[in-house]
Amino acid sequence: MILKTDNEITKYVNKSFNRSTKYLFPLIYDKECKFTTNYLLYNKNTTYDMVNIYINDNNLINKNKYDKCLFCLIKVSNIDDKSFTNFYTNLKFHKNYIEQYSVDYGLIMLVFQLEDEDWNIVNNVINGKYSKLPSEYKEIFRPNIPTINCLFNVMTKSKLLKSEIENDLAVQLHDDAELDDIPYLIDEIFCYM
């Protein structure tokens, strides 16, 4: 494996969250393994941090082995840190976790296998059909404090959000228009080499 320079790693890791991370994280949230999934979502310490979730890894040779998987890239600065070792120990109990592999120095990919019904959610997101997601899945995104620009409003085609987009872009959207862009696959498929 070719090691990247620190600047290249920092540039890659500091990217903003892609749509897979924003919309699909609940698919790897395991109620039975809260420690692990809460740390992926909320942990912002210097030891490890989630970079993004991907629907595929272009660097893999045997892609068939990873059918219907989500790939969660994490940056680890200290593999011996107690919070990381606790996280990694608990990860093995996650119901969808199947394996991990090293991507580069300080970057680890966690692989989660999904059920068919969950993969249907992935397909809707990748095709930009946010309003077609199951109602119970949309409810996960309902904010405690109402805001116009939230994922829940995208999924439910909020009239307020639609009006704001129309005003901002000076366009008239069709009633069946989705309120977020279709994901750009270049951002949703991991390609590091």
N, C-alpha and C. Protein backbone atom coordinates (compact mmCIF):
# COMPACT_ATOMS: atom_id res chain seq x y z
N MET A 1 0.84 -1.17 0.00
CA MET A 1 0.00 0.00 0.00
C MET A 1 0.88 1.24 0.00
N ILE A 2 0.50 2.24 -0.78
CA ILE A 2 1.25 3.48 -0.87
C ILE A 2 0.79 4.39 0.26
N LEU A 3 1.74 4.85 1.08
CA LEU A 3 1.40 5.77 2.15
C LEU A 3 1.26 7.18 1.60
N LYS A 4 0.21 7.84 1.99
CA LYS A 4 -0.01 9.23 1.57
C LYS A 4 0.73 10.16 2.52
N THR A 5 1.03 11.36 2.07
CA THR A 5 1.66 12.35 2.94
C THR A 5 0.62 12.85 3.93
N ASP A 6 1.10 13.43 5.04
CA ASP A 6 0.18 13.95 6.05
C ASP A 6 -0.79 14.97 5.47
N ASN A 7 -0.33 15.82 4.55
CA ASN A 7 -1.21 16.82 3.94
C ASN A 7 -2.32 16.17 3.15
N GLU A 8 -2.02 15.10 2.41
CA GLU A 8 -3.04 14.40 1.64
C GLU A 8 -4.08 13.75 2.55
N ILE A 9 -3.61 13.13 3.62
CA ILE A 9 -4.52 12.49 4.57
C ILE A 9 -5.42 13.55 5.21
N THR A 10 -4.83 14.63 5.67
CA THR A 10 -5.60 15.70 6.32
C THR A 10 -6.64 16.27 5.36
N LYS A 11 -6.25 16.49 4.12
CA LYS A 11 -7.18 17.04 3.12
C LYS A 11 -8.37 16.08 2.93
N TYR A 12 -8.08 14.78 2.82
CA TYR A 12 -9.14 13.81 2.60
C TYR A 12 -10.04 13.69 3.82
N VAL A 13 -9.45 13.61 4.98
CA VAL A 13 -10.20 13.39 6.22
C VAL A 13 -11.03 14.61 6.60
N ASN A 14 -10.62 15.80 6.21
CA ASN A 14 -11.34 17.01 6.59
C ASN A 14 -12.49 17.37 5.66
N LYS A 15 -12.82 16.47 4.72
CA LYS A 15 -13.97 16.71 3.85
C LYS A 15 -15.25 16.74 4.68
N SER A 16 -16.23 17.45 4.19
CA SER A 16 -17.51 17.47 4.90
C SER A 16 -18.24 16.14 4.67
N PHE A 17 -19.25 15.90 5.49
CA PHE A 17 -19.99 14.65 5.38
C PHE A 17 -20.70 14.55 4.03
N ASN A 18 -20.63 13.37 3.44
CA ASN A 18 -21.35 13.10 2.19
C ASN A 18 -22.81 12.74 2.52
N ARG A 19 -23.60 12.54 1.50
CA ARG A 19 -25.02 12.23 1.72
C ARG A 19 -25.21 10.84 2.33
N SER A 20 -24.33 9.91 2.03
CA SER A 20 -24.43 8.58 2.66
C SER A 20 -24.32 8.70 4.17
N THR A 21 -23.40 9.52 4.64
CA THR A 21 -23.25 9.71 6.08
C THR A 21 -24.48 10.40 6.65
N LYS A 22 -24.93 11.45 5.99
CA LYS A 22 -26.06 12.22 6.49
C LYS A 22 -27.35 11.41 6.55
N TYR A 23 -27.61 10.65 5.49
CA TYR A 23 -28.90 9.95 5.38
C TYR A 23 -28.86 8.49 5.85
N LEU A 24 -27.70 7.85 5.82
CA LEU A 24 -27.66 6.40 6.05
C LEU A 24 -27.08 5.98 7.39
N PHE A 25 -26.57 6.92 8.17
CA PHE A 25 -25.99 6.54 9.46
C PHE A 25 -26.94 5.70 10.32
N PRO A 26 -28.24 6.01 10.36
CA PRO A 26 -29.12 5.18 11.21
C PRO A 26 -29.10 3.69 10.85
N LEU A 27 -28.70 3.35 9.63
CA LEU A 27 -28.66 1.93 9.24
C LEU A 27 -27.56 1.17 9.96
N ILE A 28 -26.55 1.87 10.44
CA ILE A 28 -25.51 1.17 11.20
C ILE A 28 -25.61 1.48 12.69
N TYR A 29 -26.69 2.17 13.08
CA TYR A 29 -26.91 2.42 14.51
C TYR A 29 -27.54 1.17 15.11
N ASP A 30 -26.87 0.61 16.06
CA ASP A 30 -27.31 -0.64 16.68
C ASP A 30 -27.77 -0.34 18.11
N LYS A 31 -29.06 -0.51 18.39
CA LYS A 31 -29.59 -0.22 19.72
C LYS A 31 -28.97 -1.11 20.78
N GLU A 32 -28.53 -2.28 20.37
CA GLU A 32 -27.92 -3.21 21.32
C GLU A 32 -26.45 -2.88 21.56
N CYS A 33 -25.88 -2.07 20.71
CA CYS A 33 -24.45 -1.74 20.79
C CYS A 33 -24.30 -0.22 20.80
N LYS A 34 -25.02 0.43 21.69
CA LYS A 34 -25.08 1.89 21.72
C LYS A 34 -23.72 2.52 21.92
N PHE A 35 -22.88 1.91 22.73
CA PHE A 35 -21.56 2.49 22.99
C PHE A 35 -20.82 2.76 21.69
N THR A 36 -20.81 1.76 20.83
CA THR A 36 -20.07 1.89 19.57
C THR A 36 -20.72 2.90 18.63
N THR A 37 -22.00 2.80 18.40
CA THR A 37 -22.61 3.69 17.42
C THR A 37 -22.70 5.12 17.94
N ASN A 38 -22.89 5.31 19.22
CA ASN A 38 -22.87 6.66 19.77
C ASN A 38 -21.49 7.29 19.63
N TYR A 39 -20.46 6.50 19.80
CA TYR A 39 -19.12 7.03 19.64
C TYR A 39 -18.83 7.40 18.19
N LEU A 40 -19.33 6.62 17.27
CA LEU A 40 -19.15 6.99 15.86
C LEU A 40 -19.81 8.32 15.56
N LEU A 41 -20.99 8.52 16.11
CA LEU A 41 -21.76 9.72 15.81
C LEU A 41 -21.29 10.94 16.59
N TYR A 42 -21.02 10.78 17.88
CA TYR A 42 -20.79 11.94 18.73
C TYR A 42 -19.34 12.15 19.16
N ASN A 43 -18.50 11.15 19.04
CA ASN A 43 -17.15 11.29 19.52
C ASN A 43 -16.37 12.28 18.67
N LYS A 44 -15.88 13.31 19.28
CA LYS A 44 -15.08 14.31 18.57
C LYS A 44 -13.77 14.54 19.32
N ASN A 45 -13.19 13.46 19.84
CA ASN A 45 -11.92 13.65 20.51
C ASN A 45 -10.77 13.53 19.52
N THR A 46 -9.56 13.60 19.99
CA THR A 46 -8.41 13.58 19.09
C THR A 46 -7.92 12.17 18.79
N THR A 47 -8.49 11.17 19.45
CA THR A 47 -8.01 9.80 19.26
C THR A 47 -8.57 9.16 18.00
N TYR A 48 -9.87 9.26 17.78
CA TYR A 48 -10.48 8.70 16.57
C TYR A 48 -11.76 9.45 16.26
N ASP A 49 -12.12 9.42 14.99
CA ASP A 49 -13.30 10.17 14.56
C ASP A 49 -13.81 9.56 13.26
N MET A 50 -15.13 9.59 13.07
CA MET A 50 -15.71 9.11 11.82
C MET A 50 -15.43 10.13 10.72
N VAL A 51 -14.99 9.65 9.57
CA VAL A 51 -14.75 10.51 8.42
C VAL A 51 -16.01 10.57 7.57
N ASN A 52 -16.47 9.43 7.09
CA ASN A 52 -17.65 9.35 6.24
C ASN A 52 -18.11 7.91 6.13
N ILE A 53 -19.34 7.75 5.64
CA ILE A 53 -19.87 6.43 5.30
C ILE A 53 -19.96 6.36 3.78
N TYR A 54 -19.65 5.20 3.24
CA TYR A 54 -19.65 5.00 1.78
C TYR A 54 -20.50 3.78 1.43
N ILE A 55 -21.00 3.77 0.19
CA ILE A 55 -21.81 2.65 -0.27
C ILE A 55 -20.96 1.59 -0.95
N ASN A 56 -19.69 1.89 -1.19
CA ASN A 56 -18.77 0.94 -1.84
C ASN A 56 -17.36 1.42 -1.64
N ASP A 57 -16.40 0.54 -1.90
CA ASP A 57 -14.98 0.87 -1.85
C ASP A 57 -14.36 0.45 -3.18
N ASN A 58 -13.99 1.41 -3.99
CA ASN A 58 -13.42 1.11 -5.31
C ASN A 58 -12.07 0.43 -5.24
N ASN A 59 -11.43 0.44 -4.10
CA ASN A 59 -10.11 -0.16 -3.95
C ASN A 59 -10.16 -1.67 -3.72
N LEU A 60 -11.34 -2.19 -3.48
CA LEU A 60 -11.47 -3.62 -3.18
C LEU A 60 -11.31 -4.47 -4.43
N ILE A 61 -10.64 -5.59 -4.27
CA ILE A 61 -10.47 -6.53 -5.38
C ILE A 61 -11.69 -7.45 -5.48
N ASN A 62 -12.14 -7.99 -4.35
CA ASN A 62 -13.27 -8.92 -4.33
C ASN A 62 -14.53 -8.18 -3.89
N LYS A 63 -15.12 -7.40 -4.78
CA LYS A 63 -16.29 -6.59 -4.45
C LYS A 63 -17.52 -7.45 -4.13
N ASN A 64 -17.62 -8.64 -4.71
CA ASN A 64 -18.78 -9.51 -4.46
C ASN A 64 -18.88 -9.92 -3.00
N LYS A 65 -17.75 -9.98 -2.32
CA LYS A 65 -17.73 -10.34 -0.91
C LYS A 65 -18.48 -9.30 -0.07
N TYR A 66 -18.58 -8.09 -0.58
CA TYR A 66 -19.16 -6.99 0.18
C TYR A 66 -20.49 -6.52 -0.40
N ASP A 67 -21.30 -7.44 -0.85
CA ASP A 67 -22.62 -7.10 -1.39
C ASP A 67 -23.49 -6.55 -0.26
N LYS A 68 -24.17 -5.45 -0.52
CA LYS A 68 -25.09 -4.82 0.44
C LYS A 68 -24.39 -4.42 1.74
N CYS A 69 -23.24 -3.78 1.60
CA CYS A 69 -22.48 -3.32 2.75
C CYS A 69 -22.35 -1.81 2.75
N LEU A 70 -22.25 -1.25 3.94
CA LEU A 70 -21.85 0.13 4.11
C LEU A 70 -20.45 0.13 4.70
N PHE A 71 -19.67 1.10 4.28
CA PHE A 71 -18.28 1.21 4.68
C PHE A 71 -18.11 2.51 5.48
N CYS A 72 -17.64 2.39 6.70
CA CYS A 72 -17.48 3.55 7.58
C CYS A 72 -15.99 3.78 7.80
N LEU A 73 -15.49 4.90 7.28
CA LEU A 73 -14.08 5.24 7.41
C LEU A 73 -13.87 6.02 8.70
N ILE A 74 -12.90 5.59 9.51
CA ILE A 74 -12.56 6.33 10.71
C ILE A 74 -11.07 6.68 10.68
N LYS A 75 -10.77 7.82 11.25
CA LYS A 75 -9.39 8.27 11.40
C LYS A 75 -8.98 7.99 12.83
N VAL A 76 -7.85 7.31 13.00
CA VAL A 76 -7.37 6.95 14.33
C VAL A 76 -5.98 7.54 14.52
N SER A 77 -5.81 8.37 15.55
CA SER A 77 -4.49 8.95 15.79
C SER A 77 -3.70 8.18 16.85
N ASN A 78 -4.41 7.42 17.70
CA ASN A 78 -3.71 6.65 18.73
C ASN A 78 -4.47 5.35 18.95
N ILE A 79 -3.99 4.29 18.31
CA ILE A 79 -4.67 2.99 18.36
C ILE A 79 -4.62 2.36 19.76
N ASP A 80 -3.69 2.82 20.61
CA ASP A 80 -3.56 2.27 21.95
C ASP A 80 -4.35 3.05 23.00
N ASP A 81 -5.00 4.13 22.61
CA ASP A 81 -5.78 4.93 23.54
C ASP A 81 -6.95 4.10 24.08
N LYS A 82 -7.23 4.26 25.37
CA LYS A 82 -8.26 3.45 26.03
C LYS A 82 -9.64 3.65 25.39
N SER A 83 -9.99 4.88 25.01
CA SER A 83 -11.32 5.10 24.42
C SER A 83 -11.43 4.38 23.09
N PHE A 84 -10.33 4.34 22.31
CA PHE A 84 -10.38 3.62 21.04
C PHE A 84 -10.44 2.12 21.28
N THR A 85 -9.66 1.58 22.20
CA THR A 85 -9.69 0.13 22.44
C THR A 85 -11.05 -0.31 22.96
N ASN A 86 -11.70 0.53 23.81
CA ASN A 86 -13.07 0.22 24.26
C ASN A 86 -14.04 0.22 23.09
N PHE A 87 -13.93 1.23 22.27
CA PHE A 87 -14.77 1.33 21.07
C PHE A 87 -14.59 0.09 20.20
N TYR A 88 -13.34 -0.28 19.93
CA TYR A 88 -13.07 -1.40 19.03
C TYR A 88 -13.52 -2.73 19.63
N THR A 89 -13.35 -2.90 20.91
CA THR A 89 -13.81 -4.12 21.59
C THR A 89 -15.33 -4.25 21.46
N ASN A 90 -16.05 -3.17 21.70
CA ASN A 90 -17.51 -3.19 21.60
C ASN A 90 -18.00 -3.33 20.17
N LEU A 91 -17.23 -2.84 19.23
CA LEU A 91 -17.62 -2.91 17.82
C LEU A 91 -17.89 -4.35 17.39
N LYS A 92 -17.15 -5.28 17.92
CA LYS A 92 -17.29 -6.68 17.53
C LYS A 92 -18.65 -7.27 17.91
N PHE A 93 -19.39 -6.58 18.79
CA PHE A 93 -20.72 -7.03 19.20
C PHE A 93 -21.83 -6.37 18.38
N HIS A 94 -21.45 -5.46 17.51
CA HIS A 94 -22.44 -4.75 16.67
C HIS A 94 -23.09 -5.77 15.74
N LYS A 95 -24.42 -5.76 15.64
CA LYS A 95 -25.14 -6.79 14.89
C LYS A 95 -24.80 -6.84 13.40
N ASN A 96 -24.40 -5.70 12.81
CA ASN A 96 -24.12 -5.67 11.37
C ASN A 96 -22.63 -5.64 11.03
N TYR A 97 -21.79 -5.54 12.04
CA TYR A 97 -20.35 -5.46 11.78
C TYR A 97 -19.82 -6.79 11.26
N ILE A 98 -19.05 -6.74 10.16
CA ILE A 98 -18.46 -7.99 9.66
C ILE A 98 -16.94 -7.98 9.70
N GLU A 99 -16.31 -6.81 9.47
CA GLU A 99 -14.85 -6.78 9.54
C GLU A 99 -14.35 -5.35 9.42
N GLN A 100 -13.05 -5.21 9.59
CA GLN A 100 -12.37 -3.94 9.38
C GLN A 100 -11.11 -4.22 8.60
N TYR A 101 -10.63 -3.20 7.91
CA TYR A 101 -9.34 -3.30 7.24
C TYR A 101 -8.67 -1.94 7.22
N SER A 102 -7.36 -1.98 7.17
CA SER A 102 -6.58 -0.75 7.15
C SER A 102 -6.59 -0.16 5.75
N VAL A 103 -6.82 1.14 5.66
CA VAL A 103 -6.81 1.84 4.38
C VAL A 103 -5.44 2.47 4.18
N ASP A 104 -4.93 3.08 5.21
CA ASP A 104 -3.65 3.76 5.18
C ASP A 104 -3.27 4.03 6.63
N TYR A 105 -2.13 4.62 6.83
CA TYR A 105 -1.71 4.93 8.19
C TYR A 105 -2.76 5.83 8.85
N GLY A 106 -3.34 5.35 9.94
CA GLY A 106 -4.32 6.13 10.68
C GLY A 106 -5.72 6.11 10.13
N LEU A 107 -5.98 5.35 9.08
CA LEU A 107 -7.33 5.26 8.50
C LEU A 107 -7.77 3.80 8.48
N ILE A 108 -8.92 3.54 9.09
CA ILE A 108 -9.46 2.19 9.17
C ILE A 108 -10.88 2.19 8.60
N MET A 109 -11.18 1.18 7.80
CA MET A 109 -12.52 1.03 7.23
C MET A 109 -13.26 -0.05 8.02
N LEU A 110 -14.45 0.31 8.51
CA LEU A 110 -15.32 -0.64 9.19
C LEU A 110 -16.41 -1.04 8.21
N VAL A 111 -16.68 -2.34 8.12
CA VAL A 111 -17.65 -2.84 7.13
C VAL A 111 -18.87 -3.39 7.86
N PHE A 112 -20.06 -2.93 7.40
CA PHE A 112 -21.33 -3.34 8.00
C PHE A 112 -22.22 -3.95 6.91
N GLN A 113 -22.70 -5.17 7.15
CA GLN A 113 -23.59 -5.87 6.22
C GLN A 113 -25.03 -5.50 6.54
N LEU A 114 -25.81 -5.14 5.51
CA LEU A 114 -27.19 -4.74 5.71
C LEU A 114 -28.17 -5.81 5.24
N GLU A 115 -29.36 -5.78 5.82
CA GLU A 115 -30.45 -6.64 5.37
C GLU A 115 -31.04 -6.05 4.09
N ASP A 116 -31.81 -6.87 3.36
CA ASP A 116 -32.41 -6.41 2.09
C ASP A 116 -33.27 -5.17 2.25
N GLU A 117 -34.12 -5.14 3.29
CA GLU A 117 -34.99 -3.98 3.45
C GLU A 117 -34.19 -2.70 3.74
N ASP A 118 -33.07 -2.84 4.44
CA ASP A 118 -32.20 -1.68 4.68
C ASP A 118 -31.50 -1.26 3.39
N TRP A 119 -31.18 -2.22 2.56
CA TRP A 119 -30.51 -1.88 1.29
C TRP A 119 -31.48 -1.12 0.37
N ASN A 120 -32.78 -1.36 0.51
CA ASN A 120 -33.77 -0.57 -0.24
C ASN A 120 -33.69 0.91 0.15
N ILE A 121 -33.42 1.19 1.41
CA ILE A 121 -33.24 2.57 1.87
C ILE A 121 -32.01 3.17 1.19
N VAL A 122 -30.93 2.40 1.14
CA VAL A 122 -29.71 2.87 0.46
C VAL A 122 -30.02 3.22 -0.99
N ASN A 123 -30.73 2.34 -1.68
CA ASN A 123 -31.05 2.60 -3.09
C ASN A 123 -31.87 3.87 -3.26
N ASN A 124 -32.84 4.11 -2.37
CA ASN A 124 -33.63 5.34 -2.46
C ASN A 124 -32.74 6.57 -2.26
N VAL A 125 -31.83 6.52 -1.31
CA VAL A 125 -30.94 7.66 -1.08
C VAL A 125 -30.04 7.88 -2.28
N ILE A 126 -29.43 6.82 -2.77
CA ILE A 126 -28.50 6.95 -3.90
C ILE A 126 -29.21 7.48 -5.15
N ASN A 127 -30.46 7.16 -5.29
CA ASN A 127 -31.24 7.65 -6.44
C ASN A 127 -31.90 9.00 -6.16
N GLY A 128 -31.62 9.58 -4.98
CA GLY A 128 -32.17 10.89 -4.64
C GLY A 128 -33.66 10.87 -4.36
N LYS A 129 -34.20 9.72 -4.00
CA LYS A 129 -35.63 9.58 -3.71
C LYS A 129 -35.85 9.63 -2.19
N TYR A 130 -35.50 10.75 -1.60
CA TYR A 130 -35.56 10.90 -0.14
C TYR A 130 -36.99 10.80 0.39
N SER A 131 -37.94 11.27 -0.37
CA SER A 131 -39.34 11.22 0.08
C SER A 131 -39.91 9.81 0.04
N LYS A 132 -39.23 8.88 -0.62
CA LYS A 132 -39.69 7.49 -0.72
C LYS A 132 -39.20 6.63 0.44
N LEU A 133 -38.44 7.21 1.35
CA LEU A 133 -37.95 6.44 2.50
C LEU A 133 -39.12 6.07 3.40
N PRO A 134 -39.04 4.95 4.11
CA PRO A 134 -40.14 4.53 4.98
C PRO A 134 -40.43 5.59 6.05
N SER A 135 -41.69 5.73 6.40
CA SER A 135 -42.13 6.74 7.39
C SER A 135 -41.38 6.60 8.71
N GLU A 136 -41.23 5.37 9.19
CA GLU A 136 -40.55 5.18 10.47
C GLU A 136 -39.08 5.58 10.38
N TYR A 137 -38.49 5.44 9.21
CA TYR A 137 -37.10 5.87 9.02
C TYR A 137 -37.03 7.40 9.02
N LYS A 138 -37.96 8.04 8.36
CA LYS A 138 -37.99 9.51 8.35
C LYS A 138 -38.10 10.07 9.76
N GLU A 139 -38.89 9.39 10.60
CA GLU A 139 -39.11 9.88 11.97
C GLU A 139 -37.82 9.97 12.77
N ILE A 140 -36.84 9.15 12.44
CA ILE A 140 -35.55 9.21 13.12
C ILE A 140 -34.94 10.60 12.98
N PHE A 141 -35.23 11.26 11.87
CA PHE A 141 -34.62 12.55 11.55
C PHE A 141 -35.44 13.75 12.02
N ARG A 142 -36.57 13.49 12.64
CA ARG A 142 -37.41 14.62 13.11
C ARG A 142 -36.64 15.38 14.18
N PRO A 143 -36.43 16.69 13.96
CA PRO A 143 -35.65 17.46 14.94
C PRO A 143 -36.47 17.78 16.19
N ASN A 144 -35.77 17.89 17.31
CA ASN A 144 -36.43 18.29 18.56
C ASN A 144 -36.88 19.74 18.49
N ILE A 145 -36.04 20.55 17.86
CA ILE A 145 -36.36 21.96 17.66
C ILE A 145 -36.54 22.16 16.16
N PRO A 146 -37.72 22.56 15.73
CA PRO A 146 -37.97 22.70 14.29
C PRO A 146 -37.03 23.70 13.61
N THR A 147 -36.46 23.27 12.50
CA THR A 147 -35.64 24.14 11.66
C THR A 147 -36.03 23.87 10.21
N ILE A 148 -35.92 24.87 9.38
CA ILE A 148 -36.31 24.69 7.98
C ILE A 148 -35.35 23.77 7.25
N ASN A 149 -34.06 24.02 7.41
CA ASN A 149 -33.05 23.25 6.66
C ASN A 149 -32.62 22.01 7.44
N CYS A 150 -33.47 21.02 7.48
CA CYS A 150 -33.11 19.76 8.13
C CYS A 150 -33.47 18.60 7.20
N LEU A 151 -32.87 17.47 7.45
CA LEU A 151 -33.10 16.30 6.59
C LEU A 151 -34.55 15.83 6.66
N PHE A 152 -35.17 15.96 7.81
CA PHE A 152 -36.57 15.56 7.94
C PHE A 152 -37.45 16.33 6.96
N ASN A 153 -37.21 17.63 6.83
CA ASN A 153 -37.99 18.45 5.89
C ASN A 153 -37.71 18.07 4.44
N VAL A 154 -36.49 17.62 4.16
CA VAL A 154 -36.18 17.13 2.81
C VAL A 154 -37.02 15.88 2.54
N MET A 155 -37.02 14.95 3.49
CA MET A 155 -37.70 13.67 3.32
C MET A 155 -39.22 13.80 3.25
N THR A 156 -39.75 14.80 3.95
CA THR A 156 -41.21 14.98 3.98
C THR A 156 -41.68 16.05 3.00
N LYS A 157 -40.77 16.57 2.19
CA LYS A 157 -41.07 17.61 1.20
C LYS A 157 -41.82 18.78 1.83
N SER A 158 -41.23 19.32 2.86
CA SER A 158 -41.82 20.45 3.57
C SER A 158 -42.09 21.61 2.62
N LYS A 159 -43.28 22.16 2.73
CA LYS A 159 -43.64 23.32 1.89
C LYS A 159 -42.78 24.53 2.21
N LEU A 160 -42.42 24.70 3.49
CA LEU A 160 -41.55 25.82 3.86
C LEU A 160 -40.17 25.69 3.23
N LEU A 161 -39.61 24.49 3.29
CA LEU A 161 -38.29 24.28 2.68
C LEU A 161 -38.37 24.46 1.17
N LYS A 162 -39.40 23.92 0.56
CA LYS A 162 -39.59 24.07 -0.89
C LYS A 162 -39.65 25.55 -1.26
N SER A 163 -40.41 26.31 -0.50
CA SER A 163 -40.54 27.75 -0.77
C SER A 163 -39.20 28.46 -0.61
N GLU A 164 -38.45 28.08 0.42
CA GLU A 164 -37.13 28.69 0.63
C GLU A 164 -36.19 28.38 -0.53
N ILE A 165 -36.19 27.15 -1.01
CA ILE A 165 -35.34 26.77 -2.14
C ILE A 165 -35.77 27.54 -3.39
N GLU A 166 -37.05 27.62 -3.62
CA GLU A 166 -37.55 28.35 -4.79
C GLU A 166 -37.14 29.82 -4.74
N ASN A 167 -37.24 30.43 -3.56
CA ASN A 167 -36.84 31.83 -3.41
C ASN A 167 -35.34 32.00 -3.59
N ASP A 168 -34.55 31.12 -2.97
CA ASP A 168 -33.09 31.22 -3.08
C ASP A 168 -32.60 31.05 -4.51
N LEU A 169 -33.21 30.13 -5.24
CA LEU A 169 -32.75 29.83 -6.60
C LEU A 169 -33.56 30.55 -7.69
N ALA A 170 -34.59 31.25 -7.28
CA ALA A 170 -35.48 31.95 -8.22
C ALA A 170 -36.00 30.99 -9.29
N VAL A 171 -36.54 29.86 -8.81
CA VAL A 171 -37.11 28.84 -9.70
C VAL A 171 -38.45 28.40 -9.15
N GLN A 172 -39.20 27.70 -9.97
CA GLN A 172 -40.45 27.07 -9.55
C GLN A 172 -40.25 25.56 -9.61
N LEU A 173 -40.32 24.89 -8.47
CA LEU A 173 -40.13 23.44 -8.42
C LEU A 173 -41.46 22.74 -8.65
N HIS A 174 -41.39 21.59 -9.33
CA HIS A 174 -42.58 20.75 -9.49
C HIS A 174 -42.99 20.20 -8.13
N ASP A 175 -44.25 19.86 -7.99
CA ASP A 175 -44.72 19.31 -6.72
C ASP A 175 -44.05 17.98 -6.38
N ASP A 176 -43.63 17.23 -7.39
CA ASP A 176 -42.99 15.95 -7.14
C ASP A 176 -41.46 16.06 -7.00
N ALA A 177 -40.91 17.27 -7.04
CA ALA A 177 -39.46 17.47 -6.95
C ALA A 177 -38.95 17.11 -5.55
N GLU A 178 -37.81 16.44 -5.52
CA GLU A 178 -37.13 16.18 -4.25
C GLU A 178 -36.43 17.47 -3.83
N LEU A 179 -36.17 17.62 -2.53
CA LEU A 179 -35.64 18.87 -2.01
C LEU A 179 -34.16 18.80 -1.64
N ASP A 180 -33.47 17.82 -2.16
CA ASP A 180 -32.01 17.73 -2.05
C ASP A 180 -31.51 17.11 -3.34
N ASP A 181 -30.27 17.41 -3.66
CA ASP A 181 -29.67 16.87 -4.89
C ASP A 181 -29.51 15.35 -4.81
N ILE A 182 -29.48 14.73 -5.97
CA ILE A 182 -29.10 13.33 -6.05
C ILE A 182 -27.63 13.24 -5.64
N PRO A 183 -27.26 12.27 -4.82
CA PRO A 183 -25.86 12.17 -4.41
C PRO A 183 -24.93 12.01 -5.62
N TYR A 184 -23.79 12.64 -5.53
CA TYR A 184 -22.74 12.48 -6.54
C TYR A 184 -21.95 11.23 -6.15
N LEU A 185 -22.00 10.20 -6.99
CA LEU A 185 -21.37 8.92 -6.64
C LEU A 185 -19.88 9.05 -6.35
N ILE A 186 -19.24 10.04 -6.92
CA ILE A 186 -17.82 10.24 -6.64
C ILE A 186 -17.59 10.52 -5.15
N ASP A 187 -18.60 11.08 -4.47
CA ASP A 187 -18.51 11.34 -3.04
C ASP A 187 -19.00 10.17 -2.19
N GLU A 188 -19.78 9.28 -2.78
CA GLU A 188 -20.42 8.20 -2.02
C GLU A 188 -19.66 6.87 -2.13
N ILE A 189 -18.76 6.76 -3.08
CA ILE A 189 -17.95 5.55 -3.26
C ILE A 189 -16.52 5.88 -2.88
N PHE A 190 -15.98 5.12 -1.95
CA PHE A 190 -14.62 5.40 -1.47
C PHE A 190 -13.61 5.04 -2.55
N CYS A 191 -12.74 5.97 -2.86
CA CYS A 191 -11.67 5.75 -3.83
C CYS A 191 -10.46 6.53 -3.35
N TYR A 192 -9.47 5.84 -2.84
CA TYR A 192 -8.37 6.48 -2.14
C TYR A 192 -7.04 6.40 -2.87
N MET A 193 -6.90 5.47 -3.77
CA MET A 193 -5.61 5.29 -4.44
C MET A 193 -5.47 6.18 -5.65
